[in-house]
Amino acid sequence: MLGRNWLLAGAVLLAMAASVEGQDFQSERAAAAQDLVKGLERHAKWCQSKGLLAERDRIYRRLIELNPKHQRARRVLCYRKQRDGSWRQVRYRKPANRKTTSWSEMRTREQGVVAPYCDRVVAMLARHESEVPSRVSRTMLEWCVALHPDHPGVQRALGHVNVDGRWLTPEQAAVISRRRKLAAWARECRAGAKVTELTPSKDESESGVPWAATVQTTHVRLLATVSRPEAERAARAIDGVREFVKRIFGSAVSLPSGYRIYLLDRPEHVVRLGRAVSSLGPDVVKSAKTLAGVWASRQSCLVLREETPGRRLDAIVRQSFSWIILGTFNLDPDAQGALCEGLGLYLTKSYVGTAVTWFGAHGKDGEVSRLKARLISVGADWRVVGAARFAGTKVPALEEVLTKTREEMRVDDVLVAGLLVRYLVETRPNDVTRFLSSVAAKQPLKKVIQETLRIEPESLRREFQGWIRAAGQK
């Protein structure tokens, strides 16, 4: 059913077109509208004969949008004209369709009425392009979309493109193309490395840890007490994180030389390894019973203890991205905590589909804890979560979020920062690298936004909020 905006558009369409110079255009438009009215009248009667009373009333509403004085439509819909000339609906009850067996035929018949009208509108606007103001053309085309959303001629006249059966603006199509490219990059980078057998060091061999797999790639050494297939998948994934960042942002530093990962699934294994490998330091032994997720030593070693393969992979990928993005952009994880957290979680989710490992912004009150639980749940779309979170309020000011320290940041800040990175990667891919580098340099944020994104901060905030809310309207 058409909305109130289209009721207004239909009512003023004739007046707008009448102001256009050129009798030929006015005559053609009037003839097309008259034929459309006649066709819709016949269609409304047919719907009534088939017991499709709700559809009949929908067609009569369209007739009123075309002709506010349409007597039969006003009568069927229980409108009464008031003394001031306005119309008021009195004791109207929306009827139900008595049958659904004729539904497919109804759709076909309706398209048979509106499609020829849309064809005529596209053709007449093309013939009279020089004399019809763009606002009139666009209003008429958008009116046609309301009548026939999938009419290819109308959609193309509006500059839209078809992507998998959906008509989108070029900007929307570019975003979808970008998302698909990112997904393809992630698959390629996760699976591209060659995995070979690794000979453990003397300390690692004598640690007493029952290694189930010891493997290596060009950039990673990985020893694990978990299954070999899991270890190989993890090694390939970590080997590709630098290439993934490079493809998105144009450059990326390498992982630390001799990058080592230990996938451990029991606390006692952490203790044995920590005592045997001096580079891990004494802290890992002390915290063995509580250690979970990811731990990084000064020598760039990782020690993990998580319950599932998915959580283990998420943790090592998250830490690996941290090494790379901090080095690539020179971000300060303490002073720019929310941005570092949001960027790291966005990359991890884009790469492996999860965002479980957080380095800060732990929820304390119930509402914040529930928000974080939604964000780390498998399959969560942060944009949809954001649309619900900020449905009735403004997104926090970006200048405030991006300057939150590790100690100050809250879950909301991480959500906004992560969504902002995604927004820039998807909609402004040519600007995002310079933006992040400028923020890392601690330049005034207003200046950074103006110079790198060529937009005022408040305008960016409105565009960003609109992009978030669009996810809740699908």
Protein backbone atom coordinates (compact mmCIF):
# COMPACT_ATOMS: atom_id res chain seq x y z
CA MET A 1 0.00 0.00 0.00
CA LEU A 2 1.23 3.48 -0.81
CA GLY A 3 2.12 5.83 2.01
CA ARG A 4 0.86 9.30 2.77
CA ASN A 5 3.75 10.87 0.89
CA TRP A 6 2.47 9.27 -2.27
CA LEU A 7 -1.03 10.46 -1.56
CA LEU A 8 0.38 13.99 -1.64
CA ALA A 9 2.53 13.22 -4.67
CA GLY A 10 -0.43 11.90 -6.61
CA ALA A 11 -2.54 14.90 -5.71
CA VAL A 12 0.03 17.44 -6.84
CA LEU A 13 1.33 15.54 -9.84
CA LEU A 14 -1.21 17.01 -12.22
CA ALA A 15 -0.53 20.54 -11.01
CA MET A 16 3.21 20.11 -11.40
CA ALA A 17 2.91 18.74 -14.89
CA ALA A 18 0.43 21.41 -15.89
CA SER A 19 3.07 24.05 -15.19
CA VAL A 20 5.32 22.53 -17.81
CA GLU A 21 5.36 24.37 -21.09
CA GLY A 22 4.36 22.26 -24.06
CA GLN A 23 0.84 21.20 -24.88
CA ASP A 24 1.99 17.88 -26.33
CA PHE A 25 3.43 16.75 -23.03
CA GLN A 26 0.35 17.84 -21.08
CA SER A 27 -1.93 16.04 -23.51
CA GLU A 28 0.09 12.85 -23.42
CA ARG A 29 0.28 12.91 -19.64
CA ALA A 30 -3.46 13.49 -19.28
CA ALA A 31 -4.29 10.70 -21.70
CA ALA A 32 -1.98 8.25 -19.91
CA ALA A 33 -3.46 9.17 -16.51
CA GLN A 34 -7.00 8.80 -17.83
CA ASP A 35 -6.26 5.33 -19.20
CA LEU A 36 -4.65 4.35 -15.91
CA VAL A 37 -7.73 5.46 -13.97
CA LYS A 38 -10.01 3.44 -16.25
CA GLY A 39 -7.80 0.38 -15.94
CA LEU A 40 -7.66 0.61 -12.15
CA GLU A 41 -11.46 1.02 -12.01
CA ARG A 42 -11.90 -2.20 -13.99
CA HIS A 43 -9.34 -3.94 -11.80
CA ALA A 44 -11.11 -2.84 -8.60
CA LYS A 45 -14.40 -4.28 -9.90
CA TRP A 46 -12.68 -7.53 -10.81
CA CYS A 47 -11.17 -7.79 -7.30
CA GLN A 48 -14.63 -7.33 -5.82
CA SER A 49 -16.06 -10.05 -8.04
CA LYS A 50 -13.38 -12.47 -6.82
CA GLY A 51 -13.86 -11.67 -3.14
CA LEU A 52 -10.52 -9.84 -2.86
CA LEU A 53 -12.05 -6.99 -0.91
CA ALA A 54 -8.86 -5.79 0.81
CA GLU A 55 -7.19 -5.56 -2.61
CA ARG A 56 -10.23 -3.75 -3.99
CA ASP A 57 -9.91 -1.08 -1.30
CA ARG A 58 -6.17 -0.80 -1.94
CA ILE A 59 -6.90 -0.03 -5.60
CA TYR A 60 -9.52 2.54 -4.63
CA ARG A 61 -6.97 4.27 -2.43
CA ARG A 62 -4.70 4.51 -5.43
CA LEU A 63 -7.53 5.99 -7.45
CA ILE A 64 -7.99 8.67 -4.79
CA GLU A 65 -4.28 9.39 -4.99
CA LEU A 66 -4.72 9.93 -8.73
CA ASN A 67 -8.03 11.76 -8.44
CA PRO A 68 -9.01 13.03 -4.97
CA LYS A 69 -12.59 13.60 -6.22
CA HIS A 70 -13.14 10.03 -7.43
CA GLN A 71 -16.72 9.46 -6.25
CA ARG A 72 -16.96 5.66 -6.21
CA ALA A 73 -13.61 5.28 -4.43
CA ARG A 74 -14.64 7.82 -1.78
CA ARG A 75 -17.99 6.07 -1.32
CA VAL A 76 -16.57 2.54 -0.99
CA LEU A 77 -13.95 3.74 1.49
CA CYS A 78 -16.62 5.53 3.56
CA TYR A 79 -15.38 9.09 3.07
CA ARG A 80 -17.70 12.00 3.79
CA LYS A 81 -17.04 15.49 2.54
CA GLN A 82 -16.91 18.10 5.30
CA ARG A 83 -18.13 21.69 5.21
CA ASP A 84 -14.59 22.98 4.82
CA GLY A 85 -14.11 20.83 1.73
CA SER A 86 -11.94 18.18 3.40
CA TRP A 87 -12.73 14.48 3.44
CA ARG A 88 -13.23 12.37 6.56
CA GLN A 89 -13.46 8.58 6.79
CA VAL A 90 -16.53 7.52 8.79
CA ARG A 91 -17.13 4.04 10.24
CA TYR A 92 -14.75 2.38 7.81
CA ARG A 93 -13.68 -1.18 8.56
CA LYS A 94 -10.93 -2.72 6.53
CA PRO A 95 -12.35 -5.84 4.87
CA ALA A 96 -10.58 -9.16 4.55
CA ASN A 97 -9.99 -11.06 1.34
CA ARG A 98 -12.59 -13.80 1.16
CA LYS A 99 -10.51 -15.87 -1.26
CA THR A 100 -6.84 -16.26 -2.04
CA THR A 101 -7.14 -18.64 -4.98
CA SER A 102 -7.14 -15.73 -7.42
CA TRP A 103 -4.09 -14.03 -5.91
CA SER A 104 -1.68 -14.85 -8.74
CA GLU A 105 -4.20 -13.79 -11.38
CA MET A 106 -4.81 -10.54 -9.47
CA ARG A 107 -1.08 -9.70 -9.58
CA THR A 108 -0.91 -10.41 -13.28
CA ARG A 109 -3.99 -8.31 -14.03
CA GLU A 110 -2.70 -5.40 -11.96
CA GLN A 111 0.64 -5.40 -13.74
CA GLY A 112 -1.27 -5.48 -17.02
CA VAL A 113 -2.84 -2.17 -15.98
CA VAL A 114 0.11 -0.31 -14.49
CA ALA A 115 2.94 -1.56 -16.76
CA PRO A 116 1.59 0.14 -19.94
CA TYR A 117 1.20 3.38 -17.97
CA CYS A 118 4.80 3.14 -16.77
CA ASP A 119 5.95 2.45 -20.34
CA ARG A 120 4.16 5.57 -21.54
CA VAL A 121 5.60 7.74 -18.77
CA VAL A 122 9.17 6.64 -19.55
CA ALA A 123 8.66 7.21 -23.27
CA MET A 124 7.04 10.65 -22.91
CA LEU A 125 9.69 11.86 -20.47
CA ALA A 126 12.38 10.79 -22.93
CA ARG A 127 10.66 12.64 -25.79
CA HIS A 128 10.14 15.81 -23.75
CA GLU A 129 13.34 15.68 -21.72
CA SER A 130 14.38 19.22 -22.59
CA GLU A 131 11.10 20.82 -21.52
CA VAL A 132 10.23 18.83 -18.39
CA PRO A 133 11.91 20.00 -15.16
CA SER A 134 13.92 17.28 -13.43
CA ARG A 135 11.77 17.50 -10.28
CA VAL A 136 8.66 16.74 -12.34
CA SER A 137 10.36 13.84 -14.12
CA ARG A 138 11.58 12.35 -10.87
CA THR A 139 8.20 12.69 -9.16
CA MET A 140 6.47 10.95 -12.06
CA LEU A 141 9.05 8.16 -12.13
CA GLU A 142 8.87 7.64 -8.37
CA TRP A 143 5.09 7.52 -8.65
CA CYS A 144 5.54 4.76 -11.23
CA VAL A 145 7.83 2.87 -8.86
CA ALA A 146 5.08 2.99 -6.25
CA LEU A 147 2.70 1.45 -8.79
CA HIS A 148 5.16 -1.06 -10.24
CA PRO A 149 8.33 -1.44 -8.12
CA ASP A 150 10.04 -3.82 -10.55
CA HIS A 151 9.38 -1.99 -13.80
CA PRO A 152 12.82 -2.10 -15.48
CA GLY A 153 12.29 0.93 -17.70
CA VAL A 154 11.31 3.17 -14.79
CA GLN A 155 14.12 1.91 -12.59
CA ARG A 156 16.70 2.48 -15.31
CA ALA A 157 15.30 5.96 -15.97
CA LEU A 158 15.92 6.72 -12.30
CA GLY A 159 19.52 5.58 -12.75
CA HIS A 160 19.09 2.39 -10.75
CA VAL A 161 20.84 -0.92 -11.45
CA ASN A 162 19.64 -4.47 -10.90
CA VAL A 163 21.64 -6.57 -8.45
CA ASP A 164 20.38 -10.11 -7.86
CA GLY A 165 16.81 -9.09 -8.67
CA ARG A 166 16.85 -5.91 -6.55
CA TRP A 167 16.89 -2.40 -7.99
CA LEU A 168 19.47 -0.25 -6.26
CA THR A 169 21.09 3.13 -6.64
CA PRO A 170 24.63 3.02 -8.06
CA GLU A 171 25.93 3.89 -4.59
CA GLN A 172 24.04 0.98 -3.00
CA ALA A 173 25.26 -1.37 -5.73
CA ALA A 174 28.84 -0.24 -5.14
CA VAL A 175 28.51 -1.02 -1.42
CA ILE A 176 27.23 -4.54 -2.15
CA SER A 177 30.05 -5.08 -4.63
CA ARG A 178 32.53 -3.91 -2.00
CA ARG A 179 31.10 -6.30 0.61
CA ARG A 180 31.36 -9.22 -1.79
CA LYS A 181 34.92 -8.28 -2.66
CA LEU A 182 35.84 -8.18 1.04
CA ALA A 183 34.26 -11.61 1.58
CA ALA A 184 36.18 -13.01 -1.40
CA TRP A 185 39.42 -11.50 -0.10
CA ALA A 186 38.82 -13.08 3.30
CA ARG A 187 38.32 -16.53 1.76
CA GLU A 188 41.42 -16.18 -0.39
CA CYS A 189 43.63 -14.91 2.43
CA ARG A 190 42.43 -17.55 4.91
CA ALA A 191 43.24 -20.42 2.59
CA GLY A 192 46.19 -19.22 0.53
CA ALA A 193 49.19 -20.24 2.64
CA LYS A 194 51.13 -23.47 2.29
CA VAL A 195 51.41 -25.38 5.57
CA THR A 196 54.44 -27.56 6.30
CA GLU A 197 55.71 -29.57 9.26
CA LEU A 198 57.50 -27.63 12.01
CA THR A 199 60.32 -28.93 14.19
CA PRO A 200 59.75 -27.59 17.73
CA SER A 201 62.55 -25.88 19.59
CA LYS A 202 64.39 -27.73 22.37
CA ASP A 203 62.41 -25.88 25.06
CA GLU A 204 59.10 -26.60 23.33
CA SER A 205 59.96 -30.30 22.89
CA GLU A 206 61.03 -30.74 26.51
CA SER A 207 58.13 -28.74 27.98
CA GLY A 208 56.03 -31.83 28.58
CA VAL A 209 53.16 -30.39 26.54
CA PRO A 210 51.61 -33.17 24.41
CA TRP A 211 51.76 -31.45 21.04
CA ALA A 212 49.17 -32.84 18.63
CA ALA A 213 50.30 -30.63 15.76
CA THR A 214 53.39 -28.54 14.98
CA VAL A 215 53.07 -26.65 11.70
CA GLN A 216 54.40 -23.56 9.99
CA THR A 217 53.75 -21.20 7.08
CA THR A 218 55.91 -18.46 5.62
CA HIS A 219 55.01 -16.04 8.44
CA VAL A 220 53.78 -18.20 11.33
CA ARG A 221 54.98 -20.97 13.64
CA LEU A 222 52.11 -22.77 15.35
CA LEU A 223 52.18 -25.49 17.97
CA ALA A 224 48.94 -26.95 19.28
CA THR A 225 47.43 -29.50 21.61
CA VAL A 226 44.29 -29.45 19.47
CA SER A 227 43.73 -31.45 16.29
CA ARG A 228 46.01 -31.06 13.30
CA PRO A 229 43.19 -29.95 10.94
CA GLU A 230 42.32 -27.13 13.35
CA ALA A 231 45.99 -26.16 13.67
CA GLU A 232 46.45 -26.04 9.90
CA ARG A 233 43.33 -23.92 9.41
CA ALA A 234 44.52 -21.53 12.10
CA ALA A 235 48.02 -21.25 10.61
CA ARG A 236 46.64 -20.47 7.15
CA ALA A 237 44.28 -17.88 8.57
CA ILE A 238 47.01 -16.09 10.55
CA ASP A 239 49.37 -16.16 7.61
CA GLY A 240 46.80 -14.23 5.56
CA VAL A 241 45.88 -11.43 8.00
CA ARG A 242 48.53 -9.03 6.71
CA GLU A 243 47.44 -9.53 3.10
CA PHE A 244 43.80 -8.94 4.10
CA VAL A 245 44.66 -5.63 5.77
CA LYS A 246 46.82 -4.65 2.79
CA ARG A 247 43.99 -5.28 0.33
CA ILE A 248 41.56 -3.16 2.33
CA PHE A 249 43.82 -0.26 3.28
CA GLY A 250 46.53 -0.38 0.60
CA SER A 251 49.43 -1.17 2.97
CA ALA A 252 50.21 -3.17 6.08
CA VAL A 253 53.21 -3.93 8.23
CA SER A 254 54.36 -7.52 8.59
CA LEU A 255 53.75 -9.74 11.57
CA PRO A 256 56.65 -9.78 14.06
CA SER A 257 59.61 -11.88 12.98
CA GLY A 258 59.37 -15.42 14.27
CA TYR A 259 55.68 -15.01 15.07
CA ARG A 260 54.68 -17.95 17.26
CA ILE A 261 51.26 -19.19 18.26
CA TYR A 262 50.50 -21.80 20.88
CA LEU A 263 47.00 -23.27 20.78
CA LEU A 264 46.49 -24.80 24.21
CA ASP A 265 43.24 -26.22 25.58
CA ARG A 266 44.17 -27.05 29.24
CA PRO A 267 45.57 -24.88 32.09
CA GLU A 268 48.33 -27.36 32.96
CA HIS A 269 49.66 -27.07 29.42
CA VAL A 270 50.00 -23.32 29.91
CA VAL A 271 51.98 -23.89 33.13
CA ARG A 272 54.34 -26.44 31.55
CA LEU A 273 55.01 -24.29 28.51
CA GLY A 274 55.46 -21.13 30.55
CA ARG A 275 58.09 -22.81 32.76
CA ALA A 276 59.96 -24.28 29.78
CA VAL A 277 59.96 -21.32 27.39
CA SER A 278 61.61 -18.41 29.18
CA SER A 279 60.52 -15.84 26.58
CA LEU A 280 56.92 -16.22 27.72
CA GLY A 281 57.73 -14.74 31.10
CA PRO A 282 56.54 -15.65 34.61
CA ASP A 283 53.16 -13.91 34.33
CA VAL A 284 51.73 -16.57 32.07
CA VAL A 285 52.45 -19.26 34.67
CA LYS A 286 50.90 -17.21 37.46
CA SER A 287 47.70 -16.62 35.49
CA ALA A 288 47.44 -20.11 33.98
CA LYS A 289 44.28 -21.04 35.88
CA THR A 290 42.39 -17.94 34.79
CA LEU A 291 43.97 -17.27 31.41
CA ALA A 292 41.50 -17.47 28.55
CA GLY A 293 41.38 -15.90 25.14
CA VAL A 294 44.68 -14.44 24.09
CA TRP A 295 47.91 -13.44 25.78
CA ALA A 296 50.87 -11.79 24.10
CA SER A 297 54.42 -11.71 25.37
CA ARG A 298 57.14 -9.21 24.56
CA GLN A 299 58.55 -11.76 22.13
CA SER A 300 55.32 -11.81 20.16
CA CYS A 301 54.23 -15.27 21.28
CA LEU A 302 50.58 -16.10 21.79
CA VAL A 303 49.20 -18.48 24.35
CA LEU A 304 45.55 -19.44 24.13
CA ARG A 305 43.11 -21.49 26.15
CA GLU A 306 39.58 -21.45 24.79
CA GLU A 307 36.78 -23.98 24.78
CA THR A 308 35.93 -24.24 21.08
CA PRO A 309 37.83 -24.09 17.78
CA GLY A 310 35.84 -21.01 16.76
CA ARG A 311 36.76 -19.06 19.89
CA ARG A 312 40.41 -20.10 19.61
CA LEU A 313 40.56 -18.93 15.99
CA ASP A 314 38.80 -15.68 16.85
CA ALA A 315 41.30 -14.96 19.61
CA ILE A 316 44.48 -15.49 17.60
CA VAL A 317 43.09 -13.62 14.60
CA ARG A 318 42.07 -10.70 16.81
CA GLN A 319 45.53 -10.45 18.38
CA SER A 320 47.23 -10.77 15.01
CA PHE A 321 45.16 -7.96 13.55
CA SER A 322 46.09 -5.85 16.56
CA TRP A 323 49.80 -6.23 15.84
CA ILE A 324 49.27 -5.22 12.23
CA ILE A 325 46.86 -2.29 12.58
CA LEU A 326 48.81 -0.72 15.42
CA GLY A 327 51.96 -0.88 13.34
CA THR A 328 50.31 0.14 10.07
CA PHE A 329 48.50 3.21 11.38
CA ASN A 330 50.60 3.96 14.50
CA LEU A 331 47.45 3.98 16.60
CA ASP A 332 47.76 4.34 20.37
CA PRO A 333 45.75 1.51 21.98
CA ASP A 334 45.50 3.41 25.26
CA ALA A 335 44.72 6.94 24.06
CA GLN A 336 42.59 5.75 21.11
CA GLY A 337 41.12 2.70 22.75
CA ALA A 338 37.63 2.76 21.26
CA LEU A 339 38.91 3.15 17.69
CA CYS A 340 41.52 0.40 18.12
CA GLU A 341 38.92 -1.93 19.60
CA GLY A 342 36.30 -1.15 16.97
CA LEU A 343 38.78 -1.51 14.10
CA GLY A 344 40.18 -4.78 15.41
CA LEU A 345 36.74 -6.29 15.97
CA TYR A 346 35.51 -5.15 12.54
CA LEU A 347 38.48 -6.79 10.81
CA THR A 348 38.12 -9.99 12.84
CA LYS A 349 34.42 -10.27 12.06
CA SER A 350 35.02 -9.55 8.38
CA TYR A 351 37.77 -12.18 8.27
CA VAL A 352 36.40 -15.11 10.27
CA GLY A 353 32.79 -14.09 10.94
CA THR A 354 33.07 -13.66 14.72
CA ALA A 355 33.93 -10.88 17.16
CA VAL A 356 34.31 -12.67 20.49
CA THR A 357 37.69 -11.45 21.74
CA TRP A 358 37.54 -7.99 23.31
CA PHE A 359 40.47 -6.24 24.95
CA GLY A 360 38.36 -3.72 26.85
CA ALA A 361 34.86 -2.24 27.38
CA HIS A 362 33.66 -5.11 29.52
CA GLY A 363 29.99 -4.75 30.38
CA LYS A 364 29.13 -4.11 34.02
CA ASP A 365 25.48 -3.10 34.23
CA GLY A 366 22.79 -5.36 32.82
CA GLU A 367 21.93 -3.31 29.75
CA VAL A 368 25.55 -2.97 28.65
CA SER A 369 26.20 -6.66 29.25
CA ARG A 370 23.19 -7.58 27.10
CA LEU A 371 24.41 -5.27 24.33
CA LYS A 372 27.83 -6.89 24.34
CA ALA A 373 26.24 -10.34 24.38
CA ARG A 374 24.35 -9.45 21.21
CA LEU A 375 27.50 -8.15 19.53
CA ILE A 376 29.56 -11.28 20.22
CA SER A 377 26.79 -13.73 19.30
CA VAL A 378 27.42 -15.81 16.19
CA GLY A 379 25.81 -14.29 13.11
CA ALA A 380 25.18 -10.90 14.73
CA ASP A 381 25.04 -7.99 12.28
CA TRP A 382 26.45 -5.01 14.14
CA ARG A 383 24.61 -2.63 11.84
CA VAL A 384 21.25 -4.18 12.75
CA VAL A 385 22.19 -4.08 16.43
CA GLY A 386 23.16 -0.42 16.01
CA ALA A 387 19.86 0.37 14.28
CA ALA A 388 17.99 -0.99 17.30
CA ARG A 389 20.32 0.64 19.80
CA PHE A 390 20.06 4.13 18.29
CA ALA A 391 16.50 3.93 16.98
CA GLY A 392 15.22 6.72 19.19
CA THR A 393 18.38 8.67 19.84
CA LYS A 394 21.33 10.20 18.07
CA VAL A 395 24.54 8.31 17.50
CA PRO A 396 27.16 9.63 19.97
CA ALA A 397 29.30 12.45 18.60
CA LEU A 398 32.13 10.91 16.60
CA GLU A 399 34.66 13.37 18.04
CA GLU A 400 33.91 11.99 21.51
CA VAL A 401 33.92 8.32 20.55
CA LEU A 402 37.17 8.38 18.61
CA THR A 403 39.04 10.06 21.46
CA LYS A 404 37.88 7.64 24.17
CA THR A 405 40.80 5.96 25.96
CA ARG A 406 40.96 2.28 26.77
CA GLU A 407 39.81 3.07 30.30
CA GLU A 408 36.98 5.38 29.24
CA MET A 409 35.45 3.41 26.39
CA ARG A 410 32.15 1.65 26.83
CA VAL A 411 30.44 -0.99 24.72
CA ASP A 412 28.44 1.72 22.91
CA ASP A 413 31.69 3.44 21.94
CA VAL A 414 33.15 0.22 20.52
CA LEU A 415 29.93 -0.41 18.59
CA VAL A 416 30.00 3.06 17.05
CA ALA A 417 33.73 2.89 16.26
CA GLY A 418 33.36 -0.53 14.63
CA LEU A 419 30.39 0.61 12.58
CA LEU A 420 32.19 3.79 11.54
CA VAL A 421 35.12 1.79 10.19
CA ARG A 422 32.72 -0.48 8.30
CA TYR A 423 30.82 2.54 6.96
CA LEU A 424 34.01 4.15 5.68
CA VAL A 425 35.38 0.91 4.20
CA GLU A 426 32.11 0.24 2.37
CA THR A 427 31.15 3.76 1.28
CA ARG A 428 34.45 5.70 1.20
CA PRO A 429 37.11 3.08 0.46
CA ASN A 430 39.47 5.63 -1.09
CA ASP A 431 39.43 7.85 2.01
CA VAL A 432 39.48 5.44 4.95
CA THR A 433 43.25 4.85 5.07
CA ARG A 434 44.10 8.54 5.16
CA PHE A 435 41.37 9.12 7.75
CA LEU A 436 42.74 6.46 10.12
CA SER A 437 46.34 7.64 9.68
CA SER A 438 45.31 11.23 10.42
CA VAL A 439 43.37 10.20 13.53
CA ALA A 440 46.39 8.19 14.69
CA ALA A 441 48.54 11.31 14.28
CA LYS A 442 46.22 12.93 16.87
CA GLN A 443 45.29 15.83 14.62
CA PRO A 444 42.11 17.75 15.60
CA LEU A 445 39.28 15.44 14.63
CA LYS A 446 37.17 18.16 13.06
CA LYS A 447 40.06 19.01 10.76
CA VAL A 448 40.66 15.32 10.00
CA ILE A 449 37.04 14.80 8.94
CA GLN A 450 36.98 17.96 6.84
CA GLU A 451 40.27 17.25 5.06
CA THR A 452 40.15 13.48 4.58
CA LEU A 453 36.41 12.92 4.08
CA ARG A 454 35.56 16.38 2.70
CA ILE A 455 32.49 16.75 4.88
CA GLU A 456 31.55 18.58 8.06
CA PRO A 457 31.50 16.45 11.25
CA GLU A 458 27.78 16.96 11.88
CA SER A 459 26.94 16.09 8.27
CA LEU A 460 29.05 12.94 8.55
CA ARG A 461 27.21 12.06 11.74
CA ARG A 462 23.82 12.43 10.02
CA GLU A 463 24.91 10.35 7.01
CA PHE A 464 26.40 7.71 9.30
CA GLN A 465 23.24 7.54 11.42
CA GLY A 466 21.10 7.25 8.29
CA TRP A 467 23.28 4.37 7.08
CA ILE A 468 22.86 2.59 10.43
CA ARG A 469 19.09 3.11 10.61
CA ALA A 470 18.63 1.82 7.05
CA ALA A 471 19.58 -1.62 8.35
CA GLY A 472 16.55 -1.58 10.63
CA GLN A 473 14.18 -0.78 7.75
CA LYS A 474 14.94 -3.83 5.63
